[in-house]
Amino acid sequence: QRLEENVERFSPILVVLAEPVRLFLDEDVPRREGIDMFASALGKLRAFIKRSGVSVAAFTALSPEDVKRRRSVFINLLVGAADQHVRVEEKGKVVRLEWVKPSRHVLEVSFNREFLYDYL
């Protein structure tokens, strides 16, 4: 609801959701209930995106171990609901973006580390 209110108020073209999966991983919430709530929230988010025309980018900084364990169901739901899935990796001074969905395109960008820290 707050997302809808803020989109209406500020009229952005892009909304970034940081770690949306974490909201549904509370240890006090049974796993199945968290999965059901997350799936429902994704359905509502997709409907909102369609109505408003805003683009939404969601990101998570999960390690491969996290994905293999309890969060994999949530990540699979998120990726399944997405129109595009981009994997971002940083190795040294190179940032690698791999479009996993809908196609396998790769872009590698090299930055001067000092420049990145000055402007981020």
C-alpha atoms as a PDB file:
ATOM      1  CA  GLN A   1       0.000   0.000   0.000  1.00  0.00           C
ATOM      2  CA  ARG A   2       2.831   2.423   0.847  1.00  0.00           C
ATOM      3  CA  LEU A   3       4.482   1.616  -2.468  1.00  0.00           C
ATOM      4  CA  GLU A   4       1.310   2.551  -4.338  1.00  0.00           C
ATOM      5  CA  GLU A   5       0.938   5.774  -2.349  1.00  0.00           C
ATOM      6  CA  ASN A   6       4.543   6.806  -3.010  1.00  0.00           C
ATOM      7  CA  VAL A   7       4.353   5.984  -6.710  1.00  0.00           C
ATOM      8  CA  GLU A   8       1.201   8.076  -6.964  1.00  0.00           C
ATOM      9  CA  ARG A   9       2.822  10.921  -5.024  1.00  0.00           C
ATOM     10  CA  PHE A  10       6.231  11.037  -6.753  1.00  0.00           C
ATOM     11  CA  SER A  11       5.456   9.549 -10.222  1.00  0.00           C
ATOM     12  CA  PRO A  12       8.776   7.698 -10.619  1.00  0.00           C
ATOM     13  CA  ILE A  13       9.603   5.663 -13.704  1.00  0.00           C
ATOM     14  CA  LEU A  14      11.670   3.161 -11.686  1.00  0.00           C
ATOM     15  CA  VAL A  15      11.234   1.763  -8.185  1.00  0.00           C
ATOM     16  CA  VAL A  16      14.026  -0.294  -6.596  1.00  0.00           C
ATOM     17  CA  LEU A  17      13.130  -2.885  -3.959  1.00  0.00           C
ATOM     18  CA  ALA A  18      16.073  -3.914  -1.793  1.00  0.00           C
ATOM     19  CA  GLU A  19      15.970  -7.425  -0.354  1.00  0.00           C
ATOM     20  CA  PRO A  20      12.208  -8.052  -0.734  1.00  0.00           C
ATOM     21  CA  VAL A  21      12.723 -11.684   0.292  1.00  0.00           C
ATOM     22  CA  ARG A  22      13.909 -10.767   3.795  1.00  0.00           C
ATOM     23  CA  LEU A  23      10.454  -9.478   4.736  1.00  0.00           C
ATOM     24  CA  PHE A  24       9.104 -13.030   4.547  1.00  0.00           C
ATOM     25  CA  LEU A  25      11.916 -14.919   6.298  1.00  0.00           C
ATOM     26  CA  ASP A  26      11.011 -14.182   9.915  1.00  0.00           C
ATOM     27  CA  GLU A  27      11.766 -17.260  12.006  1.00  0.00           C
ATOM     28  CA  ASP A  28       8.489 -16.777  13.893  1.00  0.00           C
ATOM     29  CA  VAL A  29       6.524 -17.266  10.659  1.00  0.00           C
ATOM     30  CA  PRO A  30       6.132 -20.876   9.496  1.00  0.00           C
ATOM     31  CA  ARG A  31       7.996 -21.477   6.223  1.00  0.00           C
ATOM     32  CA  ARG A  32       4.897 -22.469   4.225  1.00  0.00           C
ATOM     33  CA  GLU A  33       3.011 -19.394   5.446  1.00  0.00           C
ATOM     34  CA  GLY A  34       5.926 -17.135   4.474  1.00  0.00           C
ATOM     35  CA  ILE A  35       6.046 -18.679   0.995  1.00  0.00           C
ATOM     36  CA  ASP A  36       2.289 -18.222   0.533  1.00  0.00           C
ATOM     37  CA  MET A  37       2.465 -14.593   1.706  1.00  0.00           C
ATOM     38  CA  PHE A  38       5.403 -13.892  -0.626  1.00  0.00           C
ATOM     39  CA  ALA A  39       3.625 -15.433  -3.625  1.00  0.00           C
ATOM     40  CA  SER A  40       0.541 -13.348  -2.854  1.00  0.00           C
ATOM     41  CA  ALA A  41       2.628 -10.175  -2.517  1.00  0.00           C
ATOM     42  CA  LEU A  42       4.302 -10.863  -5.874  1.00  0.00           C
ATOM     43  CA  GLY A  43       0.904 -11.259  -7.530  1.00  0.00           C
ATOM     44  CA  LYS A  44      -0.238  -7.934  -6.102  1.00  0.00           C
ATOM     45  CA  LEU A  45       3.039  -6.296  -7.156  1.00  0.00           C
ATOM     46  CA  ARG A  46       2.691  -7.544 -10.748  1.00  0.00           C
ATOM     47  CA  ALA A  47      -0.902  -6.262 -10.904  1.00  0.00           C
ATOM     48  CA  PHE A  48       0.244  -2.892  -9.550  1.00  0.00           C
ATOM     49  CA  ILE A  49       3.070  -2.694 -12.103  1.00  0.00           C
ATOM     50  CA  LYS A  50       0.626  -3.395 -14.903  1.00  0.00           C
ATOM     51  CA  ARG A  51      -1.806  -0.723 -13.645  1.00  0.00           C
ATOM     52  CA  SER A  52       0.769   1.981 -12.930  1.00  0.00           C
ATOM     53  CA  GLY A  53       3.265   1.369 -15.734  1.00  0.00           C
ATOM     54  CA  VAL A  54       6.179   1.857 -13.344  1.00  0.00           C
ATOM     55  CA  SER A  55       9.255  -0.360 -13.721  1.00  0.00           C
ATOM     56  CA  VAL A  56      10.374  -2.242 -10.625  1.00  0.00           C
ATOM     57  CA  ALA A  57      13.862  -3.573  -9.988  1.00  0.00           C
ATOM     58  CA  ALA A  58      14.395  -5.887  -7.037  1.00  0.00           C
ATOM     59  CA  PHE A  59      17.764  -7.050  -5.820  1.00  0.00           C
ATOM     60  CA  THR A  60      19.122  -9.400  -3.244  1.00  0.00           C
ATOM     61  CA  ALA A  61      22.682  -9.989  -2.108  1.00  0.00           C
ATOM     62  CA  LEU A  62      22.428 -13.684  -1.385  1.00  0.00           C
ATOM     63  CA  SER A  63      25.383 -15.993  -1.333  1.00  0.00           C
ATOM     64  CA  PRO A  64      25.149 -19.265  -3.279  1.00  0.00           C
ATOM     65  CA  GLU A  65      24.851 -21.057   0.078  1.00  0.00           C
ATOM     66  CA  ASP A  66      21.800 -18.966   1.006  1.00  0.00           C
ATOM     67  CA  VAL A  67      20.157 -19.705  -2.320  1.00  0.00           C
ATOM     68  CA  LYS A  68      20.712 -23.444  -1.890  1.00  0.00           C
ATOM     69  CA  ARG A  69      19.204 -23.436   1.559  1.00  0.00           C
ATOM     70  CA  ARG A  70      15.969 -21.951   2.814  1.00  0.00           C
ATOM     71  CA  ARG A  71      15.738 -18.945   0.516  1.00  0.00           C
ATOM     72  CA  SER A  72      15.781 -20.827  -2.785  1.00  0.00           C
ATOM     73  CA  VAL A  73      11.974 -21.119  -2.953  1.00  0.00           C
ATOM     74  CA  PHE A  74      11.600 -17.367  -2.467  1.00  0.00           C
ATOM     75  CA  ILE A  75      14.231 -16.568  -5.097  1.00  0.00           C
ATOM     76  CA  ASN A  76      12.613 -18.963  -7.577  1.00  0.00           C
ATOM     77  CA  LEU A  77       9.248 -17.250  -7.033  1.00  0.00           C
ATOM     78  CA  LEU A  78      10.820 -13.814  -7.510  1.00  0.00           C
ATOM     79  CA  VAL A  79      12.675 -14.839 -10.678  1.00  0.00           C
ATOM     80  CA  GLY A  80       9.567 -16.572 -12.019  1.00  0.00           C
ATOM     81  CA  ALA A  81       7.512 -13.400 -11.597  1.00  0.00           C
ATOM     82  CA  ALA A  82      10.161 -11.197 -13.221  1.00  0.00           C
ATOM     83  CA  ASP A  83      10.234 -10.161 -16.858  1.00  0.00           C
ATOM     84  CA  GLN A  84      14.022  -9.991 -16.697  1.00  0.00           C
ATOM     85  CA  HIS A  85      16.615 -11.513 -14.387  1.00  0.00           C
ATOM     86  CA  VAL A  86      20.092  -9.983 -14.280  1.00  0.00           C
ATOM     87  CA  ARG A  87      22.877 -11.514 -12.207  1.00  0.00           C
ATOM     88  CA  VAL A  88      25.485  -8.973 -11.055  1.00  0.00           C
ATOM     89  CA  GLU A  89      28.947 -10.009  -9.898  1.00  0.00           C
ATOM     90  CA  GLU A  90      31.921  -7.892  -8.922  1.00  0.00           C
ATOM     91  CA  LYS A  91      35.409  -9.300  -9.379  1.00  0.00           C
ATOM     92  CA  GLY A  92      38.167  -6.856  -8.619  1.00  0.00           C
ATOM     93  CA  LYS A  93      37.607  -3.772 -10.734  1.00  0.00           C
ATOM     94  CA  VAL A  94      35.164  -5.440 -13.120  1.00  0.00           C
ATOM     95  CA  VAL A  95      31.393  -5.582 -12.721  1.00  0.00           C
ATOM     96  CA  ARG A  96      29.765  -8.385 -14.704  1.00  0.00           C
ATOM     97  CA  LEU A  97      26.074  -8.222 -15.607  1.00  0.00           C
ATOM     98  CA  GLU A  98      24.550 -11.413 -17.003  1.00  0.00           C
ATOM     99  CA  TRP A  99      21.013 -11.373 -18.350  1.00  0.00           C
ATOM    100  CA  VAL A 100      19.732 -14.789 -17.301  1.00  0.00           C
ATOM    101  CA  LYS A 101      16.160 -14.164 -18.396  1.00  0.00           C
ATOM    102  CA  PRO A 102      15.025 -13.772 -21.162  1.00  0.00           C
ATOM    103  CA  SER A 103      18.398 -14.411 -22.852  1.00  0.00           C
ATOM    104  CA  ARG A 104      22.020 -15.041 -22.031  1.00  0.00           C
ATOM    105  CA  HIS A 105      23.745 -11.709 -22.752  1.00  0.00           C
ATOM    106  CA  VAL A 106      26.764 -10.587 -20.759  1.00  0.00           C
ATOM    107  CA  LEU A 107      28.123  -7.088 -20.195  1.00  0.00           C
ATOM    108  CA  GLU A 108      31.387  -6.555 -18.338  1.00  0.00           C
ATOM    109  CA  VAL A 109      32.249  -3.042 -17.204  1.00  0.00           C
ATOM    110  CA  SER A 110      35.572  -1.991 -15.721  1.00  0.00           C
ATOM    111  CA  PHE A 111      35.628   0.943 -13.323  1.00  0.00           C
ATOM    112  CA  ASN A 112      38.304   2.880 -11.555  1.00  0.00           C
ATOM    113  CA  ARG A 113      37.577   1.870  -7.945  1.00  0.00           C
ATOM    114  CA  GLU A 114      38.187   5.418  -6.693  1.00  0.00           C
ATOM    115  CA  PHE A 115      35.626   6.763  -9.156  1.00  0.00           C
ATOM    116  CA  LEU A 116      33.008   4.311  -7.910  1.00  0.00           C
ATOM    117  CA  TYR A 117      33.515   5.213  -4.264  1.00  0.00           C
ATOM    118  CA  ASP A 118      33.386   8.939  -5.053  1.00  0.00           C
ATOM    119  CA  TYR A 119      30.037   8.730  -6.818  1.00  0.00           C
ATOM    120  CA  LEU A 120      28.096   5.967  -5.075  1.00  0.00           C
END
